[in-house]
């Protein structure tokens, strides 16, 4: 082969290689190659590489979505302090409630034990009257005076209980028999009546402010049935 032919082949081979490189560069994005990006300098690339590790460093306060998050250790200490304060308040409230409960129980017991104190104070003068009447009967031996004194005491006591405490005694003797109020202990046939009538009160009944607290026990006269008691 001649020298001219060898040189021609070399030139053809170089042109083919250049064409291949040019075709390969056309399919690439110039921004992918840092050296082909005219806006990026080696100094800016080096600065970006140096800034990366400093941004990844964890600091006591971290910024997330524009909000500053406190240090977890300080936040935990704050929550523990709040929990201790709430626990102390709870213990104080529990102690106050227990003291209140005990006081209410004590006051309720005292109220139950001394609920009748005023009534008993009203009964004390009556006991004094009975005592004086008994002593007077022991010395005078006068039955009439003793009877009058006892009757006065009984009347005074009944009036005081009714006017001040609402305790009223009621009698059924001579009234029509109502089975819902007095209790019939004895019944007797009577030919001259047409309906049941209370003949006698064995035990008096009492009302406390219109409520029956003790039913009377009575003897009742019942009308005699026609034809009964007749013989042949």
C-alpha atoms as a PDB file:
ATOM      1  CA  UNK A   1       0.000   0.000   0.000  1.00  0.00           C
ATOM      2  CA  UNK A   2       1.240   3.504  -0.794  1.00  0.00           C
ATOM      3  CA  UNK A   3       1.866   6.225   1.767  1.00  0.00           C
ATOM      4  CA  UNK A   4      -0.951   8.278   0.287  1.00  0.00           C
ATOM      5  CA  UNK A   5      -3.462   5.503   0.736  1.00  0.00           C
ATOM      6  CA  UNK A   6      -2.403   5.005   4.404  1.00  0.00           C
ATOM      7  CA  UNK A   7      -2.860   8.688   5.157  1.00  0.00           C
ATOM      8  CA  UNK A   8      -6.273   8.693   3.504  1.00  0.00           C
ATOM      9  CA  UNK A   9      -7.459   5.751   5.613  1.00  0.00           C
ATOM     10  CA  UNK A  10      -6.305   7.439   8.805  1.00  0.00           C
ATOM     11  CA  UNK A  11      -8.198  10.599   7.962  1.00  0.00           C
ATOM     12  CA  UNK A  12     -11.365   8.625   7.191  1.00  0.00           C
ATOM     13  CA  UNK A  13     -11.056   6.796  10.522  1.00  0.00           C
ATOM     14  CA  UNK A  14     -10.694  10.083  12.430  1.00  0.00           C
ATOM     15  CA  UNK A  15     -13.732  11.586  10.800  1.00  0.00           C
ATOM     16  CA  UNK A  16     -15.830   8.546  11.680  1.00  0.00           C
ATOM     17  CA  UNK A  17     -14.715   8.735  15.337  1.00  0.00           C
ATOM     18  CA  UNK A  18     -15.536  12.458  15.519  1.00  0.00           C
ATOM     19  CA  UNK A  19     -18.965  11.872  14.020  1.00  0.00           C
ATOM     20  CA  UNK A  20     -19.692   9.175  16.603  1.00  0.00           C
ATOM     21  CA  UNK A  21     -18.711  11.458  19.508  1.00  0.00           C
ATOM     22  CA  UNK A  22     -20.835  14.278  18.150  1.00  0.00           C
ATOM     23  CA  UNK A  23     -23.842  11.997  17.783  1.00  0.00           C
ATOM     24  CA  UNK A  24     -23.383  10.776  21.369  1.00  0.00           C
ATOM     25  CA  UNK A  25     -23.207  14.290  22.792  1.00  0.00           C
ATOM     26  CA  UNK A  26     -26.443  15.330  21.075  1.00  0.00           C
ATOM     27  CA  UNK A  27     -28.479  12.740  23.120  1.00  0.00           C
ATOM     28  CA  UNK A  28     -27.196  14.015  26.460  1.00  0.00           C
ATOM     29  CA  UNK A  29     -28.589  16.881  28.610  1.00  0.00           C
ATOM     30  CA  UNK A  30     -25.923  19.509  28.901  1.00  0.00           C
ATOM     31  CA  UNK A  31     -26.987  20.066  32.559  1.00  0.00           C
ATOM     32  CA  UNK A  32     -26.056  16.507  33.477  1.00  0.00           C
ATOM     33  CA  UNK A  33     -22.403  17.083  32.920  1.00  0.00           C
ATOM     34  CA  UNK A  34     -21.070  19.566  35.458  1.00  0.00           C
ATOM     35  CA  UNK A  35     -18.297  20.594  33.135  1.00  0.00           C
ATOM     36  CA  UNK A  36     -20.744  21.364  30.259  1.00  0.00           C
ATOM     37  CA  UNK A  37     -22.969  23.634  32.519  1.00  0.00           C
ATOM     38  CA  UNK A  38     -21.673  27.128  31.904  1.00  0.00           C
ATOM     39  CA  UNK A  39     -23.559  28.514  35.016  1.00  0.00           C
ATOM     40  CA  UNK A  40     -21.801  26.219  37.460  1.00  0.00           C
ATOM     41  CA  UNK A  41     -18.254  26.860  38.472  1.00  0.00           C
ATOM     42  CA  UNK A  42     -15.889  24.535  40.299  1.00  0.00           C
ATOM     43  CA  UNK A  43     -15.973  26.894  43.306  1.00  0.00           C
ATOM     44  CA  UNK A  44     -19.794  26.635  43.620  1.00  0.00           C
ATOM     45  CA  UNK A  45     -19.666  22.851  43.395  1.00  0.00           C
ATOM     46  CA  UNK A  46     -17.073  22.700  46.117  1.00  0.00           C
ATOM     47  CA  UNK A  47     -19.203  25.038  48.308  1.00  0.00           C
ATOM     48  CA  UNK A  48     -22.246  22.798  47.859  1.00  0.00           C
ATOM     49  CA  UNK A  49     -20.276  19.763  48.865  1.00  0.00           C
ATOM     50  CA  UNK A  50     -19.027  21.550  51.989  1.00  0.00           C
ATOM     51  CA  UNK A  51     -22.539  22.825  52.968  1.00  0.00           C
ATOM     52  CA  UNK A  52     -24.064  19.348  52.918  1.00  0.00           C
ATOM     53  CA  UNK A  53     -22.543  17.954  56.119  1.00  0.00           C
ATOM     54  CA  UNK A  54     -23.303  21.139  58.146  1.00  0.00           C
ATOM     55  CA  UNK A  55     -27.039  20.991  57.276  1.00  0.00           C
ATOM     56  CA  UNK A  56     -27.259  17.356  58.317  1.00  0.00           C
ATOM     57  CA  UNK A  57     -25.829  18.110  61.767  1.00  0.00           C
ATOM     58  CA  UNK A  58     -28.474  17.716  64.581  1.00  0.00           C
ATOM     59  CA  UNK A  59     -28.810  20.814  66.752  1.00  0.00           C
ATOM     60  CA  UNK A  60     -30.691  21.273  70.079  1.00  0.00           C
ATOM     61  CA  UNK A  61     -33.425  23.067  68.175  1.00  0.00           C
ATOM     62  CA  UNK A  62     -34.644  21.716  64.850  1.00  0.00           C
ATOM     63  CA  UNK A  63     -36.682  23.620  62.297  1.00  0.00           C
ATOM     64  CA  UNK A  64     -39.473  21.598  60.662  1.00  0.00           C
ATOM     65  CA  UNK A  65     -41.843  23.239  58.198  1.00  0.00           C
ATOM     66  CA  UNK A  66     -40.914  26.690  59.472  1.00  0.00           C
ATOM     67  CA  UNK A  67     -41.624  25.784  63.162  1.00  0.00           C
ATOM     68  CA  UNK A  68     -38.967  25.516  65.839  1.00  0.00           C
ATOM     69  CA  UNK A  69     -39.077  22.256  67.813  1.00  0.00           C
ATOM     70  CA  UNK A  70     -37.669  22.334  71.358  1.00  0.00           C
ATOM     71  CA  UNK A  71     -34.922  20.060  72.573  1.00  0.00           C
ATOM     72  CA  UNK A  72     -36.463  16.656  73.505  1.00  0.00           C
ATOM     73  CA  UNK A  73     -34.605  16.570  76.837  1.00  0.00           C
ATOM     74  CA  UNK A  74     -35.870  19.979  77.929  1.00  0.00           C
ATOM     75  CA  UNK A  75     -39.371  19.124  76.715  1.00  0.00           C
ATOM     76  CA  UNK A  76     -39.309  15.885  78.723  1.00  0.00           C
ATOM     77  CA  UNK A  77     -38.152  17.735  81.833  1.00  0.00           C
ATOM     78  CA  UNK A  78     -40.979  20.242  81.420  1.00  0.00           C
ATOM     79  CA  UNK A  79     -43.559  17.464  81.086  1.00  0.00           C
ATOM     80  CA  UNK A  80     -42.191  15.705  84.170  1.00  0.00           C
ATOM     81  CA  UNK A  81     -42.484  18.934  86.165  1.00  0.00           C
ATOM     82  CA  UNK A  82     -46.089  19.392  85.021  1.00  0.00           C
ATOM     83  CA  UNK A  83     -46.892  15.775  85.920  1.00  0.00           C
ATOM     84  CA  UNK A  84     -45.419  16.206  89.397  1.00  0.00           C
ATOM     85  CA  UNK A  85     -47.474  19.373  89.920  1.00  0.00           C
ATOM     86  CA  UNK A  86     -50.683  17.685  88.755  1.00  0.00           C
ATOM     87  CA  UNK A  87     -49.991  14.705  91.009  1.00  0.00           C
ATOM     88  CA  UNK A  88     -49.498  17.037  93.970  1.00  0.00           C
ATOM     89  CA  UNK A  89     -52.779  18.796  93.196  1.00  0.00           C
ATOM     90  CA  UNK A  90     -54.558  15.443  92.942  1.00  0.00           C
ATOM     91  CA  UNK A  91     -53.243  14.329  96.337  1.00  0.00           C
ATOM     92  CA  UNK A  92     -54.358  17.601  97.905  1.00  0.00           C
ATOM     93  CA  UNK A  93     -57.830  17.311  96.394  1.00  0.00           C
ATOM     94  CA  UNK A  94     -58.103  13.694  97.532  1.00  0.00           C
ATOM     95  CA  UNK A  95     -57.130  14.665 101.076  1.00  0.00           C
ATOM     96  CA  UNK A  96     -59.632  17.547 101.099  1.00  0.00           C
ATOM     97  CA  UNK A  97     -62.401  15.266  99.854  1.00  0.00           C
ATOM     98  CA  UNK A  98     -61.617  12.647 102.496  1.00  0.00           C
ATOM     99  CA  UNK A  99     -61.749  15.291 105.232  1.00  0.00           C
ATOM    100  CA  UNK A 100     -65.041  16.582 103.812  1.00  0.00           C
ATOM    101  CA  UNK A 101     -66.502  13.059 103.754  1.00  0.00           C
ATOM    102  CA  UNK A 102     -65.518  12.405 107.360  1.00  0.00           C
ATOM    103  CA  UNK A 103     -66.953  15.748 108.458  1.00  0.00           C
ATOM    104  CA  UNK A 104     -70.262  15.026 106.704  1.00  0.00           C
ATOM    105  CA  UNK A 105     -70.503  11.610 108.344  1.00  0.00           C
ATOM    106  CA  UNK A 106     -69.810  13.143 111.753  1.00  0.00           C
ATOM    107  CA  UNK A 107     -72.356  15.933 111.259  1.00  0.00           C
ATOM    108  CA  UNK A 108     -74.980  13.448 110.037  1.00  0.00           C
ATOM    109  CA  UNK A 109     -74.415  11.264 113.074  1.00  0.00           C
ATOM    110  CA  UNK A 110     -74.678  14.256 115.397  1.00  0.00           C
ATOM    111  CA  UNK A 111     -77.844  15.403 113.639  1.00  0.00           C
ATOM    112  CA  UNK A 112     -79.392  11.976 114.091  1.00  0.00           C
ATOM    113  CA  UNK A 113     -78.419  11.756 117.737  1.00  0.00           C
ATOM    114  CA  UNK A 114     -79.597  15.255 118.649  1.00  0.00           C
ATOM    115  CA  UNK A 115     -82.518  15.643 116.231  1.00  0.00           C
ATOM    116  CA  UNK A 116     -85.027  15.409 119.089  1.00  0.00           C
ATOM    117  CA  UNK A 117     -83.176  17.761 121.396  1.00  0.00           C
ATOM    118  CA  UNK A 118     -85.737  20.567 121.150  1.00  0.00           C
ATOM    119  CA  UNK A 119     -88.621  18.169 121.688  1.00  0.00           C
ATOM    120  CA  UNK A 120     -86.993  16.731 124.768  1.00  0.00           C
ATOM    121  CA  UNK A 121     -86.366  20.215 126.116  1.00  0.00           C
ATOM    122  CA  UNK A 122     -90.097  20.872 125.818  1.00  0.00           C
ATOM    123  CA  UNK A 123     -90.840  17.654 127.689  1.00  0.00           C
ATOM    124  CA  UNK A 124     -88.602  18.467 130.628  1.00  0.00           C
ATOM    125  CA  UNK A 125     -91.092  20.938 132.223  1.00  0.00           C
ATOM    126  CA  UNK A 126     -93.763  18.274 131.938  1.00  0.00           C
ATOM    127  CA  UNK A 127     -91.572  15.845 133.860  1.00  0.00           C
ATOM    128  CA  UNK A 128     -91.075  18.526 136.487  1.00  0.00           C
ATOM    129  CA  UNK A 129     -94.858  18.908 136.795  1.00  0.00           C
ATOM    130  CA  UNK A 130     -95.302  15.160 137.231  1.00  0.00           C
ATOM    131  CA  UNK A 131     -92.628  15.119 139.911  1.00  0.00           C
ATOM    132  CA  UNK A 132     -94.281  17.948 141.848  1.00  0.00           C
ATOM    133  CA  UNK A 133     -97.700  16.304 141.534  1.00  0.00           C
ATOM    134  CA  UNK A 134     -96.374  13.028 142.920  1.00  0.00           C
ATOM    135  CA  UNK A 135     -94.675  14.734 145.855  1.00  0.00           C
ATOM    136  CA  UNK A 136     -97.839  16.700 146.610  1.00  0.00           C
ATOM    137  CA  UNK A 137     -99.938  13.516 146.603  1.00  0.00           C
ATOM    138  CA  UNK A 138     -97.495  11.825 149.006  1.00  0.00           C
ATOM    139  CA  UNK A 139     -97.973  14.554 151.632  1.00  0.00           C
ATOM    140  CA  UNK A 140    -101.610  15.599 151.203  1.00  0.00           C
ATOM    141  CA  UNK A 141    -103.138  12.249 150.298  1.00  0.00           C
ATOM    142  CA  UNK A 142    -105.835  14.178 148.457  1.00  0.00           C
ATOM    143  CA  UNK A 143    -106.962  12.152 145.482  1.00  0.00           C
ATOM    144  CA  UNK A 144    -109.099  14.905 143.973  1.00  0.00           C
ATOM    145  CA  UNK A 145    -106.249  17.398 143.963  1.00  0.00           C
ATOM    146  CA  UNK A 146    -103.902  14.783 142.538  1.00  0.00           C
ATOM    147  CA  UNK A 147    -106.377  13.942 139.796  1.00  0.00           C
ATOM    148  CA  UNK A 148    -106.853  17.594 138.861  1.00  0.00           C
ATOM    149  CA  UNK A 149    -103.082  18.115 138.751  1.00  0.00           C
ATOM    150  CA  UNK A 150    -102.521  15.120 136.452  1.00  0.00           C
ATOM    151  CA  UNK A 151    -105.350  16.230 134.158  1.00  0.00           C
ATOM    152  CA  UNK A 152    -103.828  19.693 133.862  1.00  0.00           C
ATOM    153  CA  UNK A 153    -100.412  18.246 133.019  1.00  0.00           C
ATOM    154  CA  UNK A 154    -101.892  15.996 130.341  1.00  0.00           C
ATOM    155  CA  UNK A 155    -103.818  18.863 128.771  1.00  0.00           C
ATOM    156  CA  UNK A 156    -100.764  21.107 128.799  1.00  0.00           C
ATOM    157  CA  UNK A 157     -98.652  18.415 127.162  1.00  0.00           C
ATOM    158  CA  UNK A 158    -101.221  17.657 124.445  1.00  0.00           C
ATOM    159  CA  UNK A 159    -101.666  21.354 123.624  1.00  0.00           C
ATOM    160  CA  UNK A 160     -97.927  21.930 123.417  1.00  0.00           C
ATOM    161  CA  UNK A 161     -97.315  18.917 121.152  1.00  0.00           C
ATOM    162  CA  UNK A 162    -100.126  19.889 118.812  1.00  0.00           C
ATOM    163  CA  UNK A 163     -99.363  23.605 118.551  1.00  0.00           C
ATOM    164  CA  UNK A 164     -95.575  23.364 118.333  1.00  0.00           C
ATOM    165  CA  UNK A 165     -94.871  19.963 116.841  1.00  0.00           C
ATOM    166  CA  UNK A 166     -98.010  19.203 114.821  1.00  0.00           C
ATOM    167  CA  UNK A 167     -98.880  16.067 116.814  1.00  0.00           C
ATOM    168  CA  UNK A 168    -102.632  15.691 116.982  1.00  0.00           C
ATOM    169  CA  UNK A 169    -104.618  13.041 118.779  1.00  0.00           C
ATOM    170  CA  UNK A 170    -107.925  12.045 117.276  1.00  0.00           C
ATOM    171  CA  UNK A 171    -110.880  10.128 118.721  1.00  0.00           C
ATOM    172  CA  UNK A 172    -113.174   7.849 116.760  1.00  0.00           C
ATOM    173  CA  UNK A 173    -115.740   7.122 119.426  1.00  0.00           C
ATOM    174  CA  UNK A 174    -119.265   7.744 118.068  1.00  0.00           C
ATOM    175  CA  UNK A 175    -118.052   8.214 114.444  1.00  0.00           C
ATOM    176  CA  UNK A 176    -118.757   5.930 111.461  1.00  0.00           C
ATOM    177  CA  UNK A 177    -116.173   3.195 111.211  1.00  0.00           C
ATOM    178  CA  UNK A 178    -113.575   3.721 108.444  1.00  0.00           C
ATOM    179  CA  UNK A 179    -111.526   0.540 107.985  1.00  0.00           C
ATOM    180  CA  UNK A 180    -108.686   2.549 106.396  1.00  0.00           C
ATOM    181  CA  UNK A 181    -107.924   4.501 109.588  1.00  0.00           C
ATOM    182  CA  UNK A 182    -108.764   2.771 112.892  1.00  0.00           C
ATOM    183  CA  UNK A 183    -108.055  -0.874 113.504  1.00  0.00           C
ATOM    184  CA  UNK A 184    -111.015  -2.868 114.775  1.00  0.00           C
ATOM    185  CA  UNK A 185    -110.014  -5.076 117.702  1.00  0.00           C
ATOM    186  CA  UNK A 186    -113.545  -6.102 118.612  1.00  0.00           C
ATOM    187  CA  UNK A 187    -116.942  -6.094 116.864  1.00  0.00           C
ATOM    188  CA  UNK A 188    -120.383  -6.244 118.416  1.00  0.00           C
ATOM    189  CA  UNK A 189    -123.823  -6.579 116.861  1.00  0.00           C
ATOM    190  CA  UNK A 190    -126.300  -3.798 117.564  1.00  0.00           C
ATOM    191  CA  UNK A 191    -129.949  -3.898 116.423  1.00  0.00           C
ATOM    192  CA  UNK A 192    -130.532  -0.139 116.509  1.00  0.00           C
ATOM    193  CA  UNK A 193    -127.886   0.976 113.948  1.00  0.00           C
ATOM    194  CA  UNK A 194    -127.789   0.838 110.161  1.00  0.00           C
ATOM    195  CA  UNK A 195    -124.014   1.242 109.646  1.00  0.00           C
ATOM    196  CA  UNK A 196    -120.829   0.341 111.485  1.00  0.00           C
ATOM    197  CA  UNK A 197    -119.994   2.785 114.268  1.00  0.00           C
ATOM    198  CA  UNK A 198    -116.978   3.065 116.566  1.00  0.00           C
ATOM    199  CA  UNK A 199    -118.156   2.469 120.114  1.00  0.00           C
ATOM    200  CA  UNK A 200    -114.916   2.842 122.039  1.00  0.00           C
ATOM    201  CA  UNK A 201    -111.264   3.755 121.522  1.00  0.00           C
ATOM    202  CA  UNK A 202    -108.969   1.239 123.099  1.00  0.00           C
ATOM    203  CA  UNK A 203    -105.848   3.051 121.865  1.00  0.00           C
ATOM    204  CA  UNK A 204    -105.873   6.632 120.609  1.00  0.00           C
ATOM    205  CA  UNK A 205    -104.653   7.415 117.106  1.00  0.00           C
ATOM    206  CA  UNK A 206    -102.208  10.202 116.289  1.00  0.00           C
ATOM    207  CA  UNK A 207    -101.509  12.417 113.289  1.00  0.00           C
ATOM    208  CA  UNK A 208     -98.193  14.127 112.704  1.00  0.00           C
ATOM    209  CA  UNK A 209     -98.824  17.032 110.333  1.00  0.00           C
ATOM    210  CA  UNK A 210    -101.724  15.226 108.619  1.00  0.00           C
ATOM    211  CA  UNK A 211     -99.862  11.924 108.422  1.00  0.00           C
ATOM    212  CA  UNK A 212    -101.061   8.987 110.505  1.00  0.00           C
ATOM    213  CA  UNK A 213     -98.184   7.817 112.669  1.00  0.00           C
ATOM    214  CA  UNK A 214    -100.280   5.524 114.863  1.00  0.00           C
ATOM    215  CA  UNK A 215    -103.593   3.952 113.992  1.00  0.00           C
ATOM    216  CA  UNK A 216    -106.277   3.820 116.640  1.00  0.00           C
ATOM    217  CA  UNK A 217    -107.490   0.506 118.003  1.00  0.00           C
ATOM    218  CA  UNK A 218    -111.228   0.514 118.540  1.00  0.00           C
ATOM    219  CA  UNK A 219    -114.355  -1.462 119.319  1.00  0.00           C
ATOM    220  CA  UNK A 220    -116.959  -1.390 116.517  1.00  0.00           C
ATOM    221  CA  UNK A 221    -120.717  -1.789 116.605  1.00  0.00           C
ATOM    222  CA  UNK A 222    -122.034  -3.617 113.554  1.00  0.00           C
ATOM    223  CA  UNK A 223    -125.661  -3.514 112.295  1.00  0.00           C
ATOM    224  CA  UNK A 224    -127.559  -6.690 112.979  1.00  0.00           C
ATOM    225  CA  UNK A 225    -128.613  -8.646 109.898  1.00  0.00           C
ATOM    226  CA  UNK A 226    -132.333  -9.072 109.243  1.00  0.00           C
ATOM    227  CA  UNK A 227    -133.700 -12.327 110.592  1.00  0.00           C
ATOM    228  CA  UNK A 228    -130.708 -12.985 112.820  1.00  0.00           C
ATOM    229  CA  UNK A 229    -131.369 -13.570 116.500  1.00  0.00           C
ATOM    230  CA  UNK A 230    -135.018 -14.650 115.923  1.00  0.00           C
ATOM    231  CA  UNK A 231    -136.292 -18.062 116.892  1.00  0.00           C
ATOM    232  CA  UNK A 232    -139.212 -20.230 115.793  1.00  0.00           C
END
